[in-house]
N, C-alpha and C. Protein backbone atom coordinates (compact mmCIF):
# COMPACT_ATOMS: atom_id res chain seq x y z
N UNK A 1 -19.01 9.99 13.88
CA UNK A 1 -17.80 9.63 13.53
C UNK A 1 -16.91 8.53 14.59
N UNK A 2 -16.71 7.71 13.51
CA UNK A 2 -16.28 6.00 14.32
C UNK A 2 -14.54 6.34 14.26
N UNK A 3 -14.16 5.53 15.43
CA UNK A 3 -12.78 5.43 15.72
C UNK A 3 -12.35 4.97 14.73
N UNK A 4 -11.41 5.18 14.05
CA UNK A 4 -10.06 4.38 12.83
C UNK A 4 -9.37 4.26 13.69
N UNK A 5 -8.77 3.12 13.74
CA UNK A 5 -7.33 2.70 13.87
C UNK A 5 -6.75 1.66 13.11
N UNK A 6 -5.44 2.35 12.32
CA UNK A 6 -4.77 2.02 11.49
C UNK A 6 -3.45 1.10 11.63
N UNK A 7 -2.93 0.11 11.38
CA UNK A 7 -1.86 -0.72 11.89
C UNK A 7 -0.94 -0.76 10.65
N UNK A 8 -0.05 0.63 10.66
CA UNK A 8 0.42 0.68 9.27
C UNK A 8 1.43 -0.45 8.94
N UNK A 9 2.23 -0.71 10.31
CA UNK A 9 3.33 -2.17 9.91
C UNK A 9 2.34 -3.00 9.25
N UNK A 10 1.59 -3.42 9.71
CA UNK A 10 0.59 -4.50 8.78
C UNK A 10 0.35 -4.34 8.03
N UNK A 11 -0.13 -2.97 7.08
CA UNK A 11 -0.39 -2.99 5.94
C UNK A 11 1.02 -3.61 5.22
N UNK A 12 2.07 -2.86 5.63
CA UNK A 12 3.05 -2.86 4.84
C UNK A 12 3.77 -4.47 4.84
N UNK A 13 3.07 -5.08 6.26
CA UNK A 13 3.56 -6.60 5.68
C UNK A 13 2.61 -7.14 4.81
N UNK A 14 1.32 -6.65 4.67
CA UNK A 14 0.64 -6.85 3.82
C UNK A 14 1.48 -7.03 1.74
N UNK A 15 1.75 -5.99 2.17
CA UNK A 15 2.45 -5.04 0.92
C UNK A 15 3.80 -6.08 0.76
N UNK A 16 4.31 -6.52 1.53
CA UNK A 16 5.30 -7.39 1.45
C UNK A 16 4.82 -8.53 0.99
N UNK A 17 4.22 -9.07 1.26
CA UNK A 17 3.98 -10.86 0.94
C UNK A 17 3.32 -10.19 -0.34
N UNK A 18 2.35 -9.43 -0.60
CA UNK A 18 1.88 -9.33 -1.77
C UNK A 18 2.85 -9.00 -2.96
N UNK A 19 3.94 -8.55 -2.65
CA UNK A 19 5.45 -8.20 -3.80
C UNK A 19 6.16 -9.55 -3.87
N UNK A 20 6.06 -10.28 -2.47
CA UNK A 20 6.96 -11.72 -2.92
C UNK A 20 6.04 -12.87 -4.08
N UNK A 21 4.82 -12.54 -3.46
CA UNK A 21 3.82 -13.51 -4.16
C UNK A 21 3.55 -13.07 -5.50
N UNK A 22 3.67 -12.25 -6.03
CA UNK A 22 4.09 -11.78 -7.27
C UNK A 22 5.37 -11.63 -8.03
N UNK A 23 6.56 -11.60 -7.49
CA UNK A 23 8.04 -12.26 -7.86
C UNK A 23 7.67 -13.81 -7.85
N UNK A 24 6.64 -14.66 -7.54
CA UNK A 24 6.93 -15.92 -7.06
C UNK A 24 6.00 -16.43 -8.56
N UNK A 25 4.94 -15.60 -8.23
CA UNK A 25 3.95 -16.10 -9.92
C UNK A 25 5.03 -15.92 -10.83
N UNK A 26 5.48 -14.52 -11.34
CA UNK A 26 6.27 -14.03 -12.50
C UNK A 26 7.56 -15.65 -12.54
N UNK A 27 8.17 -15.91 -11.60
CA UNK A 27 9.12 -17.00 -12.08
C UNK A 27 8.34 -18.19 -12.34
N UNK A 28 7.49 -18.39 -11.84
CA UNK A 28 6.81 -20.00 -12.00
C UNK A 28 6.38 -19.59 -13.71
N UNK A 29 5.82 -18.53 -14.31
CA UNK A 29 5.55 -18.28 -15.03
C UNK A 29 6.43 -18.16 -16.29
N UNK A 30 8.04 -18.11 -15.91
CA UNK A 30 8.96 -18.27 -16.94
C UNK A 30 8.86 -19.39 -17.54
N UNK A 31 8.34 -19.02 -18.67
CA UNK A 31 8.92 -19.98 -19.81
C UNK A 31 8.88 -19.72 -21.12
N UNK A 32 9.63 -20.88 -21.46
CA UNK A 32 10.16 -20.45 -22.56
C UNK A 32 9.53 -21.02 -24.26
N UNK A 33 8.29 -20.90 -24.43
CA UNK A 33 7.05 -20.91 -25.46
C UNK A 33 8.06 -21.96 -26.68
N UNK A 34 8.31 -21.05 -27.27
CA UNK A 34 9.37 -21.50 -28.53
C UNK A 34 10.18 -22.74 -27.77
N UNK A 35 10.96 -22.63 -27.37
CA UNK A 35 11.77 -23.79 -26.82
C UNK A 35 10.97 -25.31 -26.61
N UNK A 36 9.83 -24.96 -25.88
CA UNK A 36 8.59 -25.96 -25.23
C UNK A 36 8.68 -26.41 -26.89
N UNK A 37 8.07 -25.77 -27.45
CA UNK A 37 7.50 -26.00 -29.05
C UNK A 37 8.69 -26.88 -29.90
N UNK A 38 9.42 -26.62 -29.78
CA UNK A 38 10.91 -26.92 -30.84
C UNK A 38 10.97 -28.44 -30.18
N UNK A 39 10.93 -28.47 -28.90
CA UNK A 39 11.34 -30.09 -28.29
C UNK A 39 10.70 -30.48 -28.96
N UNK A 40 8.73 -30.55 -28.88
CA UNK A 40 7.72 -31.41 -29.11
C UNK A 40 7.30 -31.39 -30.38
N UNK A 41 7.92 -30.12 -31.68
CA UNK A 41 7.49 -30.64 -32.93
C UNK A 41 8.11 -32.01 -33.64
N UNK A 42 9.63 -32.37 -32.91
CA UNK A 42 9.98 -33.81 -33.78
C UNK A 42 9.10 -34.39 -32.99
N UNK A 43 8.61 -34.67 -32.09
CA UNK A 43 7.55 -35.56 -30.93
C UNK A 43 6.72 -35.91 -32.04
N UNK A 44 5.51 -34.84 -32.09
CA UNK A 44 4.45 -35.11 -33.01
C UNK A 44 4.47 -34.87 -34.19
N UNK A 45 5.99 -34.40 -34.95
CA UNK A 45 5.70 -34.53 -36.28
C UNK A 45 4.71 -33.57 -37.38
N UNK A 46 4.74 -33.83 -38.91
CA UNK A 46 3.79 -33.31 -39.35
C UNK A 46 2.17 -33.91 -39.08
N UNK A 47 1.59 -34.53 -38.62
CA UNK A 47 0.30 -35.06 -37.86
C UNK A 47 0.11 -34.09 -36.61
N UNK A 48 0.98 -34.00 -36.05
CA UNK A 48 0.72 -33.32 -34.46
C UNK A 48 0.60 -31.53 -35.12
N UNK A 49 1.29 -30.86 -35.84
CA UNK A 49 0.64 -29.84 -36.05
C UNK A 49 -0.27 -29.14 -35.89
N UNK A 50 -1.35 -29.51 -36.20
CA UNK A 50 -2.35 -29.02 -35.66
C UNK A 50 -2.62 -28.79 -34.35
N UNK A 51 -2.22 -29.97 -33.51
CA UNK A 51 -2.41 -30.00 -31.98
C UNK A 51 -1.57 -29.02 -31.51
N UNK A 52 -0.55 -28.60 -32.19
CA UNK A 52 0.44 -27.95 -31.63
C UNK A 52 0.49 -26.28 -31.95
N UNK A 53 -0.22 -26.09 -32.77
CA UNK A 53 -0.71 -24.69 -32.80
C UNK A 53 -1.81 -24.84 -31.79
N UNK A 54 -2.58 -25.32 -31.73
CA UNK A 54 -3.28 -25.26 -30.25
C UNK A 54 -2.77 -24.98 -29.04
N UNK A 55 -1.98 -25.69 -28.80
CA UNK A 55 -1.22 -26.10 -27.78
C UNK A 55 -0.65 -24.83 -27.22
N UNK A 56 0.01 -24.25 -28.28
CA UNK A 56 0.89 -23.37 -28.39
C UNK A 56 0.25 -21.79 -27.56
N UNK A 57 -0.82 -21.91 -28.50
CA UNK A 57 -2.34 -20.49 -28.72
C UNK A 57 -2.82 -20.71 -26.88
N UNK A 58 -2.88 -22.35 -26.37
CA UNK A 58 -3.10 -22.33 -25.20
C UNK A 58 -1.93 -21.84 -24.23
N UNK A 59 -0.70 -22.26 -24.63
CA UNK A 59 -0.05 -21.89 -23.53
C UNK A 59 0.30 -20.39 -23.40
N UNK A 60 0.31 -19.91 -24.67
CA UNK A 60 0.06 -17.99 -24.41
C UNK A 60 -0.85 -17.67 -23.69
N UNK A 61 -1.76 -18.02 -24.25
CA UNK A 61 -3.31 -17.45 -23.32
C UNK A 61 -2.90 -17.56 -21.98
N UNK A 62 -2.64 -18.93 -21.59
CA UNK A 62 -1.79 -19.06 -20.01
C UNK A 62 -1.15 -18.24 -19.11
N UNK A 63 0.27 -18.00 -19.90
CA UNK A 63 1.13 -16.93 -20.01
C UNK A 63 0.90 -15.61 -19.72
N UNK A 64 0.03 -14.98 -20.25
CA UNK A 64 -0.58 -14.09 -20.42
C UNK A 64 -1.33 -13.45 -19.22
N UNK A 65 -2.17 -14.80 -18.79
CA UNK A 65 -3.07 -14.57 -17.69
C UNK A 65 -2.36 -14.57 -16.53
N UNK A 66 -1.20 -15.21 -16.61
CA UNK A 66 -0.41 -15.64 -15.20
C UNK A 66 0.65 -14.55 -15.09
N UNK A 67 0.83 -13.71 -15.87
CA UNK A 67 1.51 -12.23 -16.03
C UNK A 67 0.30 -11.57 -15.60
N UNK A 68 -1.04 -11.16 -16.00
CA UNK A 68 -1.43 -10.29 -15.79
C UNK A 68 -1.72 -10.64 -14.28
N UNK A 69 -1.84 -12.05 -13.63
CA UNK A 69 -2.20 -11.91 -12.20
C UNK A 69 -0.61 -11.36 -11.36
N UNK A 70 0.47 -11.48 -11.84
CA UNK A 70 1.73 -11.05 -11.54
C UNK A 70 1.48 -9.85 -11.27
N UNK A 71 1.20 -8.86 -12.10
CA UNK A 71 1.23 -7.42 -12.23
C UNK A 71 -0.26 -7.08 -11.25
N UNK A 72 -1.07 -8.18 -11.17
CA UNK A 72 -2.23 -7.48 -9.66
C UNK A 72 -1.72 -7.56 -8.75
N UNK A 73 -1.00 -8.76 -8.25
CA UNK A 73 -0.33 -8.55 -6.95
C UNK A 73 0.98 -7.49 -6.74
N UNK A 74 1.52 -7.05 -7.80
CA UNK A 74 2.73 -6.30 -7.65
C UNK A 74 1.60 -4.46 -7.63
N UNK A 75 0.73 -4.92 -8.74
CA UNK A 75 -0.31 -3.63 -8.09
C UNK A 75 -0.96 -3.27 -7.03
N UNK A 76 -1.27 -4.51 -6.46
CA UNK A 76 -1.29 -4.31 -4.71
C UNK A 76 -0.59 -4.39 -3.65
N UNK A 77 1.02 -4.60 -3.87
CA UNK A 77 1.37 -4.22 -3.20
C UNK A 77 2.13 -2.89 -3.05
N UNK A 78 2.14 -2.51 -4.49
CA UNK A 78 2.39 -0.94 -4.50
C UNK A 78 1.54 0.26 -3.35
N UNK A 79 0.02 -0.10 -4.00
CA UNK A 79 -0.99 0.34 -3.37
C UNK A 79 -1.10 0.35 -2.06
N UNK A 80 -0.99 -0.68 -1.34
CA UNK A 80 -1.04 -1.07 0.32
C UNK A 80 0.57 -0.45 0.95
N UNK A 81 1.29 -0.38 0.02
CA UNK A 81 2.48 0.77 0.23
C UNK A 81 2.61 1.94 0.59
N UNK A 82 1.90 2.36 -0.55
CA UNK A 82 1.67 3.59 -0.44
C UNK A 82 0.58 4.27 0.42
N UNK A 83 -0.48 3.50 0.84
CA UNK A 83 -1.96 3.36 1.33
C UNK A 83 -1.07 3.81 3.00
N UNK A 84 -0.17 2.61 3.39
CA UNK A 84 0.97 2.92 4.86
C UNK A 84 1.12 4.73 4.86
N UNK A 85 2.08 4.50 4.08
CA UNK A 85 2.90 5.69 3.94
C UNK A 85 1.84 7.13 4.28
N UNK A 86 0.58 7.12 3.52
CA UNK A 86 -0.16 8.03 3.43
C UNK A 86 -0.63 8.20 4.93
N UNK A 87 -1.10 7.14 5.33
CA UNK A 87 -1.58 7.09 6.93
C UNK A 87 -0.70 7.61 7.48
N UNK A 88 0.79 7.34 7.62
CA UNK A 88 1.79 7.88 8.24
C UNK A 88 1.93 9.85 8.11
N UNK A 89 2.14 9.84 6.88
CA UNK A 89 2.44 11.16 6.72
C UNK A 89 1.18 11.96 7.35
N UNK A 90 -0.12 11.37 6.75
CA UNK A 90 -1.51 12.53 7.67
C UNK A 90 -1.31 12.06 9.29
N UNK A 91 -1.72 10.97 9.92
CA UNK A 91 -1.39 11.32 11.08
C UNK A 91 -0.23 11.84 11.51
N UNK A 92 0.77 11.67 11.26
CA UNK A 92 2.01 13.06 11.69
C UNK A 92 1.66 13.96 11.56
N UNK A 93 1.25 14.96 10.28
CA UNK A 93 0.91 16.09 10.09
C UNK A 93 -0.62 16.54 11.12
N UNK A 94 -1.24 15.55 11.03
CA UNK A 94 -2.73 16.29 11.76
C UNK A 94 -2.20 16.15 13.21
N UNK A 95 -1.27 15.25 13.91
CA UNK A 95 -0.41 15.32 15.09
C UNK A 95 0.08 16.58 15.33
N UNK A 96 1.01 16.90 14.43
CA UNK A 96 1.40 18.26 14.93
C UNK A 96 0.61 19.36 14.69
N UNK A 97 -0.60 19.40 14.10
CA UNK A 97 -1.14 20.68 13.93
C UNK A 97 -1.82 20.59 15.61
N UNK A 98 -2.49 19.57 15.81
CA UNK A 98 -3.12 19.56 17.24
C UNK A 98 -2.16 19.92 18.29
N UNK A 99 -0.90 19.23 17.97
CA UNK A 99 -0.15 19.97 19.33
C UNK A 99 0.20 21.99 18.68
N UNK A 100 0.36 22.10 17.88
CA UNK A 100 0.41 23.45 17.55
C UNK A 100 -1.04 24.45 18.40
N UNK A 101 -2.41 24.09 17.92
CA UNK A 101 -3.42 24.33 18.70
C UNK A 101 -3.42 24.01 20.17
N UNK A 102 -3.11 23.00 20.67
CA UNK A 102 -2.88 22.98 21.87
C UNK A 102 -1.69 24.26 22.50
N UNK A 103 -1.01 23.76 22.07
CA UNK A 103 0.15 25.38 22.92
C UNK A 103 -0.37 26.65 22.49
N UNK A 104 -1.35 27.29 21.67
CA UNK A 104 -2.07 28.20 21.43
C UNK A 104 -2.83 28.34 22.62
N UNK A 105 -3.81 27.53 22.76
CA UNK A 105 -4.71 27.50 24.08
C UNK A 105 -4.00 27.38 25.57
N UNK A 106 -3.00 26.65 25.46
CA UNK A 106 -2.40 27.08 26.53
C UNK A 106 -1.70 28.95 26.81
N UNK A 107 -1.13 28.99 25.73
CA UNK A 107 -0.93 30.26 26.13
C UNK A 107 -1.75 31.32 25.79
N UNK A 108 -3.05 31.45 25.48
CA UNK A 108 -4.22 31.91 25.41
C UNK A 108 -4.96 31.53 27.35
N UNK A 109 -4.84 30.69 27.92
CA UNK A 109 -5.17 30.40 28.71
C UNK A 109 -4.28 30.68 29.57
N UNK A 110 -2.73 30.77 29.78
CA UNK A 110 -2.01 31.65 31.01
C UNK A 110 -2.26 33.52 30.67
N UNK A 111 -2.68 34.05 29.30
CA UNK A 111 -2.90 35.07 29.42
C UNK A 111 -3.81 35.45 29.74
N UNK A 112 -5.39 35.00 29.94
CA UNK A 112 -6.50 34.72 30.63
C UNK A 112 -6.48 34.82 32.10
N UNK A 113 -5.33 33.74 32.32
CA UNK A 113 -5.16 33.58 33.95
C UNK A 113 -4.48 34.84 34.69
N UNK A 114 -3.49 35.14 34.08
CA UNK A 114 -2.61 36.60 34.10
C UNK A 114 -3.32 38.11 34.15
N UNK A 115 -5.04 37.91 33.23
CA UNK A 115 -5.75 38.83 33.24
C UNK A 115 -6.37 38.99 34.64
N UNK A 116 -6.68 37.78 34.14
CA UNK A 116 -7.97 37.25 35.95
C UNK A 116 -6.96 37.88 37.39
N UNK A 117 -5.74 37.16 37.38
CA UNK A 117 -5.16 37.64 38.71
C UNK A 117 -4.70 39.25 38.71
N UNK A 118 -4.72 39.89 37.45
CA UNK A 118 -4.23 41.52 37.58
C UNK A 118 -5.83 41.97 38.23
N UNK A 119 -7.05 41.37 37.57
CA UNK A 119 -8.56 41.92 37.90
C UNK A 119 -8.49 41.49 39.36
N UNK A 120 -8.33 39.90 39.73
CA UNK A 120 -8.59 39.92 41.37
C UNK A 120 -7.39 41.04 42.30
N UNK A 121 -6.46 41.28 41.76
CA UNK A 121 -5.52 42.21 42.43
C UNK A 121 -6.40 43.63 42.64
N UNK A 122 -6.78 44.04 41.82
CA UNK A 122 -7.68 45.08 41.54
C UNK A 122 -8.72 45.37 42.38
N UNK A 123 -9.58 44.45 42.20
CA UNK A 123 -10.46 44.23 43.08
C UNK A 123 -10.01 44.10 44.91
N UNK A 124 -9.05 43.21 44.61
CA UNK A 124 -8.65 42.96 46.12
C UNK A 124 -8.36 44.33 46.82
N UNK A 125 -7.54 44.80 46.03
CA UNK A 125 -6.75 46.27 46.57
C UNK A 125 -7.70 47.29 46.45
N UNK A 126 -9.09 47.15 46.38
CA UNK A 126 -10.18 48.35 46.32
C UNK A 126 -10.57 48.18 47.64
N UNK A 127 -11.18 47.07 48.40
CA UNK A 127 -11.37 46.70 49.73
C UNK A 127 -11.35 47.28 50.60
């Protein structure tokens, strides 16, 4: 079995960084496509209508891709945070369980010691 050492605060820091990246990407992607096209329509006029339609499709595709990227970072942040919580929870419960086992062993050894002492006294008393 290999040793595993997890720094859950490091995982939480990564989670916070991913969440911040998601926010920044989302804010950078925030655009009002309708307003942009309305501003460009008078410039290109009827001759540029085909270009504007292609531009609108490209911008919509871009916005969708950037939103997917922001969602990816948000999900990564959530997964990292959940992982850190899980490690801490399992580590704590395992430590508590091992502590209980240790107390049971100490109690059993104390009882064995008492029995050995009693037997020793009995043997010593027979001599």
